[in-house]
Amino acid sequence: MTERTLYTQISSEWGMFTLVWREGENGGRACRVFLPRAGAPTAETLPGLFPGIQSDTSPAMRELGERIQRFLAGEAVTFCVDEMALEHCSAFQRRVLLAEYAVPRGSVTTYGLLAQHLGQPGAARAVGRALATNPLPILIPCHRAVAADGGLGGFQGGLAMKRALLEREGVAFDAHGRAIAPRMYG
């Protein structure tokens, strides 16, 4: 079996998510999740990013898509690192993404705390850039990273989606829109 690149679209209250999957002899792994937003790739533009991509699914891809939908609906769903293709990320970004992956549901961290955790205090902006280009948002919960003051910071799907995801996980916000984190991870 040769490697195939597949995609499927996942409906949500925010619009269509696109899951890109590489299927090969040893199974498949997610290589991209595109959140719904202006400028996100569409069925017409995906072939330019992934030559030969097909609108198709495998059983494992369908199961992952269903788990993503349940997560978006607010269920506590765990995603496995083994089903994620991170080899195209830089070594630093992989370290950031794996550290962010470890932040438990209902907790938040800050870009600065992640930098400290990685042994690179002062690298908060670099951590923020690594998360801003996370190829697998939702699977790697980059929405759980906030600014030092509890502000939302940024998110590929927009701040309304980020806040809604955090609220579904039990994170509260003050009157100024800052996360009140009873569980600050770091």
C-alpha atoms as a PDB file:
ATOM      1  CA  MET A   1       0.000   0.000   0.000  1.00  0.00           C
ATOM      2  CA  THR A   2       1.380   3.388  -0.914  1.00  0.00           C
ATOM      3  CA  GLU A   3       0.891   6.391   1.303  1.00  0.00           C
ATOM      4  CA  ARG A   4      -2.307   8.334   0.715  1.00  0.00           C
ATOM      5  CA  THR A   5      -3.249  11.772   1.990  1.00  0.00           C
ATOM      6  CA  LEU A   6      -6.925  12.048   2.849  1.00  0.00           C
ATOM      7  CA  TYR A   7      -9.147  14.760   4.192  1.00  0.00           C
ATOM      8  CA  THR A   8     -12.570  15.033   5.685  1.00  0.00           C
ATOM      9  CA  GLN A   9     -14.583  17.919   6.973  1.00  0.00           C
ATOM     10  CA  ILE A  10     -16.048  18.001  10.453  1.00  0.00           C
ATOM     11  CA  SER A  11     -19.045  20.177  11.187  1.00  0.00           C
ATOM     12  CA  SER A  12     -19.217  22.274  14.320  1.00  0.00           C
ATOM     13  CA  GLU A  13     -21.098  25.262  15.648  1.00  0.00           C
ATOM     14  CA  TRP A  14     -18.147  27.409  14.454  1.00  0.00           C
ATOM     15  CA  GLY A  15     -18.130  26.050  10.914  1.00  0.00           C
ATOM     16  CA  MET A  16     -16.259  23.297   9.138  1.00  0.00           C
ATOM     17  CA  PHE A  17     -13.019  21.888  10.512  1.00  0.00           C
ATOM     18  CA  THR A  18     -10.787  20.044   8.055  1.00  0.00           C
ATOM     19  CA  LEU A  19      -8.847  16.975   9.172  1.00  0.00           C
ATOM     20  CA  VAL A  20      -5.912  15.955   6.962  1.00  0.00           C
ATOM     21  CA  TRP A  21      -4.680  12.398   7.440  1.00  0.00           C
ATOM     22  CA  ARG A  22      -1.769  10.377   6.037  1.00  0.00           C
ATOM     23  CA  GLU A  23      -2.573   6.700   5.568  1.00  0.00           C
ATOM     24  CA  GLY A  24       0.253   4.229   4.942  1.00  0.00           C
ATOM     25  CA  GLU A  25       1.302   0.633   5.466  1.00  0.00           C
ATOM     26  CA  ASN A  26       1.566   1.095   9.245  1.00  0.00           C
ATOM     27  CA  GLY A  27      -1.783   2.818   9.627  1.00  0.00           C
ATOM     28  CA  GLY A  28      -2.517   6.499   9.596  1.00  0.00           C
ATOM     29  CA  ARG A  29      -1.927   9.694  11.517  1.00  0.00           C
ATOM     30  CA  ALA A  30      -3.406  13.162  11.566  1.00  0.00           C
ATOM     31  CA  CYS A  31      -1.067  15.676   9.954  1.00  0.00           C
ATOM     32  CA  ARG A  32      -3.214  18.836  10.026  1.00  0.00           C
ATOM     33  CA  VAL A  33      -6.364  20.194  11.558  1.00  0.00           C
ATOM     34  CA  PHE A  34      -7.610  23.396   9.973  1.00  0.00           C
ATOM     35  CA  LEU A  35      -9.978  25.378  12.148  1.00  0.00           C
ATOM     36  CA  PRO A  36     -12.872  27.246  10.547  1.00  0.00           C
ATOM     37  CA  ARG A  37     -11.811  30.821   9.841  1.00  0.00           C
ATOM     38  CA  ALA A  38     -11.355  33.211   6.958  1.00  0.00           C
ATOM     39  CA  GLY A  39      -8.520  32.065   4.743  1.00  0.00           C
ATOM     40  CA  ALA A  40      -8.628  28.428   5.908  1.00  0.00           C
ATOM     41  CA  PRO A  41      -8.037  25.934   3.096  1.00  0.00           C
ATOM     42  CA  THR A  42     -11.091  24.613   1.325  1.00  0.00           C
ATOM     43  CA  ALA A  43     -11.698  21.507  -0.770  1.00  0.00           C
ATOM     44  CA  GLU A  44     -10.595  23.575  -3.770  1.00  0.00           C
ATOM     45  CA  THR A  45      -7.323  24.827  -2.227  1.00  0.00           C
ATOM     46  CA  LEU A  46      -6.185  21.719  -0.303  1.00  0.00           C
ATOM     47  CA  PRO A  47      -4.607  20.056  -3.394  1.00  0.00           C
ATOM     48  CA  GLY A  48      -2.194  22.998  -3.628  1.00  0.00           C
ATOM     49  CA  LEU A  49      -1.006  22.272  -0.078  1.00  0.00           C
ATOM     50  CA  PHE A  50      -1.150  18.488  -0.294  1.00  0.00           C
ATOM     51  CA  PRO A  51      -0.687  17.242  -3.873  1.00  0.00           C
ATOM     52  CA  GLY A  52      -2.781  14.149  -4.537  1.00  0.00           C
ATOM     53  CA  ILE A  53      -5.033  14.667  -1.500  1.00  0.00           C
ATOM     54  CA  GLN A  54      -8.357  12.836  -1.682  1.00  0.00           C
ATOM     55  CA  SER A  55     -11.687  13.449  -0.009  1.00  0.00           C
ATOM     56  CA  ASP A  56     -11.950  10.092   1.699  1.00  0.00           C
ATOM     57  CA  THR A  57     -11.672   8.512   5.134  1.00  0.00           C
ATOM     58  CA  SER A  58     -10.336   5.420   6.804  1.00  0.00           C
ATOM     59  CA  PRO A  59     -11.939   3.790   9.861  1.00  0.00           C
ATOM     60  CA  ALA A  60      -9.311   5.322  12.181  1.00  0.00           C
ATOM     61  CA  MET A  61      -9.774   8.747  10.595  1.00  0.00           C
ATOM     62  CA  ARG A  62     -13.572   8.539  10.953  1.00  0.00           C
ATOM     63  CA  GLU A  63     -13.166   7.557  14.616  1.00  0.00           C
ATOM     64  CA  LEU A  64     -10.831  10.529  15.226  1.00  0.00           C
ATOM     65  CA  GLY A  65     -13.299  12.857  13.502  1.00  0.00           C
ATOM     66  CA  GLU A  66     -16.071  11.602  15.787  1.00  0.00           C
ATOM     67  CA  ARG A  67     -13.882  12.185  18.866  1.00  0.00           C
ATOM     68  CA  ILE A  68     -13.131  15.732  17.655  1.00  0.00           C
ATOM     69  CA  GLN A  69     -16.862  16.399  17.326  1.00  0.00           C
ATOM     70  CA  ARG A  70     -17.499  15.059  20.839  1.00  0.00           C
ATOM     71  CA  PHE A  71     -14.653  17.227  22.189  1.00  0.00           C
ATOM     72  CA  LEU A  72     -16.096  20.306  20.495  1.00  0.00           C
ATOM     73  CA  ALA A  73     -19.465  19.497  22.069  1.00  0.00           C
ATOM     74  CA  GLY A  74     -17.818  19.622  25.504  1.00  0.00           C
ATOM     75  CA  GLU A  75     -17.082  15.962  26.256  1.00  0.00           C
ATOM     76  CA  ALA A  76     -13.846  15.017  27.987  1.00  0.00           C
ATOM     77  CA  VAL A  77     -12.001  13.341  25.122  1.00  0.00           C
ATOM     78  CA  THR A  78      -8.348  12.311  25.081  1.00  0.00           C
ATOM     79  CA  PHE A  79      -6.295  12.336  21.903  1.00  0.00           C
ATOM     80  CA  CYS A  80      -3.211  10.133  21.596  1.00  0.00           C
ATOM     81  CA  VAL A  81       0.141  11.570  20.488  1.00  0.00           C
ATOM     82  CA  ASP A  82       0.734   8.375  18.488  1.00  0.00           C
ATOM     83  CA  GLU A  83      -2.046   9.385  16.089  1.00  0.00           C
ATOM     84  CA  MET A  84      -0.382  12.752  15.334  1.00  0.00           C
ATOM     85  CA  ALA A  85       2.305  13.426  12.729  1.00  0.00           C
ATOM     86  CA  LEU A  86       4.677  15.954  14.298  1.00  0.00           C
ATOM     87  CA  GLU A  87       7.812  15.168  12.301  1.00  0.00           C
ATOM     88  CA  HIS A  88       7.431  18.286  10.139  1.00  0.00           C
ATOM     89  CA  CYS A  89       7.650  20.546  13.203  1.00  0.00           C
ATOM     90  CA  SER A  90      10.977  21.938  14.368  1.00  0.00           C
ATOM     91  CA  ALA A  91      12.529  20.333  17.451  1.00  0.00           C
ATOM     92  CA  PHE A  92      11.602  23.403  19.524  1.00  0.00           C
ATOM     93  CA  GLN A  93       8.008  23.415  18.293  1.00  0.00           C
ATOM     94  CA  ARG A  94       7.668  19.686  19.041  1.00  0.00           C
ATOM     95  CA  ARG A  95       8.880  20.312  22.601  1.00  0.00           C
ATOM     96  CA  VAL A  96       6.378  23.161  23.008  1.00  0.00           C
ATOM     97  CA  LEU A  97       3.523  21.137  21.532  1.00  0.00           C
ATOM     98  CA  LEU A  98       4.238  18.112  23.710  1.00  0.00           C
ATOM     99  CA  ALA A  99       4.427  20.324  26.807  1.00  0.00           C
ATOM    100  CA  GLU A 100       1.111  21.931  25.859  1.00  0.00           C
ATOM    101  CA  TYR A 101      -0.383  18.484  25.174  1.00  0.00           C
ATOM    102  CA  ALA A 102       0.319  17.648  28.844  1.00  0.00           C
ATOM    103  CA  VAL A 103      -1.829  20.524  30.167  1.00  0.00           C
ATOM    104  CA  PRO A 104      -4.883  18.787  31.625  1.00  0.00           C
ATOM    105  CA  ARG A 105      -8.471  19.583  30.778  1.00  0.00           C
ATOM    106  CA  GLY A 106      -9.837  22.395  32.951  1.00  0.00           C
ATOM    107  CA  SER A 107      -6.370  23.871  33.486  1.00  0.00           C
ATOM    108  CA  VAL A 108      -4.520  26.627  31.725  1.00  0.00           C
ATOM    109  CA  THR A 109      -0.891  27.606  31.465  1.00  0.00           C
ATOM    110  CA  THR A 110       0.829  30.732  30.230  1.00  0.00           C
ATOM    111  CA  TYR A 111       3.324  31.147  27.449  1.00  0.00           C
ATOM    112  CA  GLY A 112       5.897  32.146  30.082  1.00  0.00           C
ATOM    113  CA  LEU A 113       5.224  29.118  32.283  1.00  0.00           C
ATOM    114  CA  LEU A 114       5.643  26.837  29.284  1.00  0.00           C
ATOM    115  CA  ALA A 115       8.941  28.529  28.437  1.00  0.00           C
ATOM    116  CA  GLN A 116      10.130  28.025  32.028  1.00  0.00           C
ATOM    117  CA  HIS A 117       8.973  24.404  31.965  1.00  0.00           C
ATOM    118  CA  LEU A 118      11.091  23.894  28.841  1.00  0.00           C
ATOM    119  CA  GLY A 119      14.115  25.397  30.589  1.00  0.00           C
ATOM    120  CA  GLN A 120      14.010  28.528  28.449  1.00  0.00           C
ATOM    121  CA  PRO A 121      12.758  31.378  30.628  1.00  0.00           C
ATOM    122  CA  GLY A 122      12.334  34.478  28.540  1.00  0.00           C
ATOM    123  CA  ALA A 123      11.163  32.487  25.505  1.00  0.00           C
ATOM    124  CA  ALA A 124       7.454  33.217  26.020  1.00  0.00           C
ATOM    125  CA  ARG A 125       7.136  34.858  22.592  1.00  0.00           C
ATOM    126  CA  ALA A 126       8.818  31.894  20.894  1.00  0.00           C
ATOM    127  CA  VAL A 127       6.428  29.572  22.718  1.00  0.00           C
ATOM    128  CA  GLY A 128       3.520  31.731  21.529  1.00  0.00           C
ATOM    129  CA  ARG A 129       4.757  31.530  17.922  1.00  0.00           C
ATOM    130  CA  ALA A 130       5.137  27.743  18.186  1.00  0.00           C
ATOM    131  CA  LEU A 131       1.565  27.447  19.438  1.00  0.00           C
ATOM    132  CA  ALA A 132       0.244  29.925  16.846  1.00  0.00           C
ATOM    133  CA  THR A 133       1.454  27.565  14.113  1.00  0.00           C
ATOM    134  CA  ASN A 134       0.311  24.370  15.853  1.00  0.00           C
ATOM    135  CA  PRO A 135      -0.565  22.035  12.946  1.00  0.00           C
ATOM    136  CA  LEU A 136      -2.967  20.049  15.142  1.00  0.00           C
ATOM    137  CA  PRO A 137      -5.108  22.447  17.192  1.00  0.00           C
ATOM    138  CA  ILE A 138      -7.723  20.671  19.296  1.00  0.00           C
ATOM    139  CA  LEU A 139      -5.646  17.448  19.280  1.00  0.00           C
ATOM    140  CA  ILE A 140      -2.868  19.436  20.948  1.00  0.00           C
ATOM    141  CA  PRO A 141      -4.932  21.778  23.131  1.00  0.00           C
ATOM    142  CA  CYS A 142      -3.162  25.069  22.436  1.00  0.00           C
ATOM    143  CA  HIS A 143      -6.336  26.854  23.560  1.00  0.00           C
ATOM    144  CA  ARG A 144      -5.177  26.076  27.125  1.00  0.00           C
ATOM    145  CA  ALA A 145      -2.299  28.604  26.894  1.00  0.00           C
ATOM    146  CA  VAL A 146      -3.162  32.146  27.950  1.00  0.00           C
ATOM    147  CA  ALA A 147      -1.287  35.402  28.457  1.00  0.00           C
ATOM    148  CA  ALA A 148       0.484  36.105  31.763  1.00  0.00           C
ATOM    149  CA  ASP A 149      -2.422  38.282  32.948  1.00  0.00           C
ATOM    150  CA  GLY A 150      -5.006  35.590  32.121  1.00  0.00           C
ATOM    151  CA  GLY A 151      -6.014  37.272  28.858  1.00  0.00           C
ATOM    152  CA  LEU A 152      -6.791  34.931  26.017  1.00  0.00           C
ATOM    153  CA  GLY A 153      -3.748  35.754  23.894  1.00  0.00           C
ATOM    154  CA  GLY A 154      -4.391  34.339  20.431  1.00  0.00           C
ATOM    155  CA  PHE A 155      -5.917  31.290  18.781  1.00  0.00           C
ATOM    156  CA  GLN A 156      -6.144  30.104  15.175  1.00  0.00           C
ATOM    157  CA  GLY A 157      -9.911  29.697  15.445  1.00  0.00           C
ATOM    158  CA  GLY A 158     -10.492  33.089  17.043  1.00  0.00           C
ATOM    159  CA  LEU A 159     -10.889  34.224  20.610  1.00  0.00           C
ATOM    160  CA  ALA A 160     -14.617  33.415  20.850  1.00  0.00           C
ATOM    161  CA  MET A 161     -13.894  29.766  20.059  1.00  0.00           C
ATOM    162  CA  LYS A 162     -10.936  29.708  22.485  1.00  0.00           C
ATOM    163  CA  ARG A 163     -13.030  31.084  25.316  1.00  0.00           C
ATOM    164  CA  ALA A 164     -15.921  28.708  24.582  1.00  0.00           C
ATOM    165  CA  LEU A 165     -13.578  25.692  24.574  1.00  0.00           C
ATOM    166  CA  LEU A 166     -12.068  26.750  27.896  1.00  0.00           C
ATOM    167  CA  GLU A 167     -15.491  27.376  29.439  1.00  0.00           C
ATOM    168  CA  ARG A 168     -16.625  23.903  28.360  1.00  0.00           C
ATOM    169  CA  GLU A 169     -13.608  22.544  30.212  1.00  0.00           C
ATOM    170  CA  GLY A 170     -14.609  24.407  33.375  1.00  0.00           C
ATOM    171  CA  VAL A 171     -12.335  27.467  33.157  1.00  0.00           C
ATOM    172  CA  ALA A 172     -14.077  30.613  34.415  1.00  0.00           C
ATOM    173  CA  PHE A 173     -13.447  34.201  33.337  1.00  0.00           C
ATOM    174  CA  ASP A 174     -13.550  37.479  35.235  1.00  0.00           C
ATOM    175  CA  ALA A 175     -15.452  40.583  34.124  1.00  0.00           C
ATOM    176  CA  HIS A 176     -12.432  41.674  32.041  1.00  0.00           C
ATOM    177  CA  GLY A 177     -12.324  38.406  30.069  1.00  0.00           C
ATOM    178  CA  ARG A 178      -9.298  37.006  31.890  1.00  0.00           C
ATOM    179  CA  ALA A 179      -9.133  33.322  32.729  1.00  0.00           C
ATOM    180  CA  ILE A 180      -9.597  32.572  36.402  1.00  0.00           C
ATOM    181  CA  ALA A 181      -7.549  29.472  36.713  1.00  0.00           C
ATOM    182  CA  PRO A 182      -8.015  27.439  39.844  1.00  0.00           C
ATOM    183  CA  ARG A 183      -5.587  25.028  38.213  1.00  0.00           C
ATOM    184  CA  MET A 184      -2.633  26.824  36.649  1.00  0.00           C
ATOM    185  CA  TYR A 185      -0.421  24.246  35.020  1.00  0.00           C
ATOM    186  CA  GLY A 186       3.282  24.773  34.664  1.00  0.00           C
END
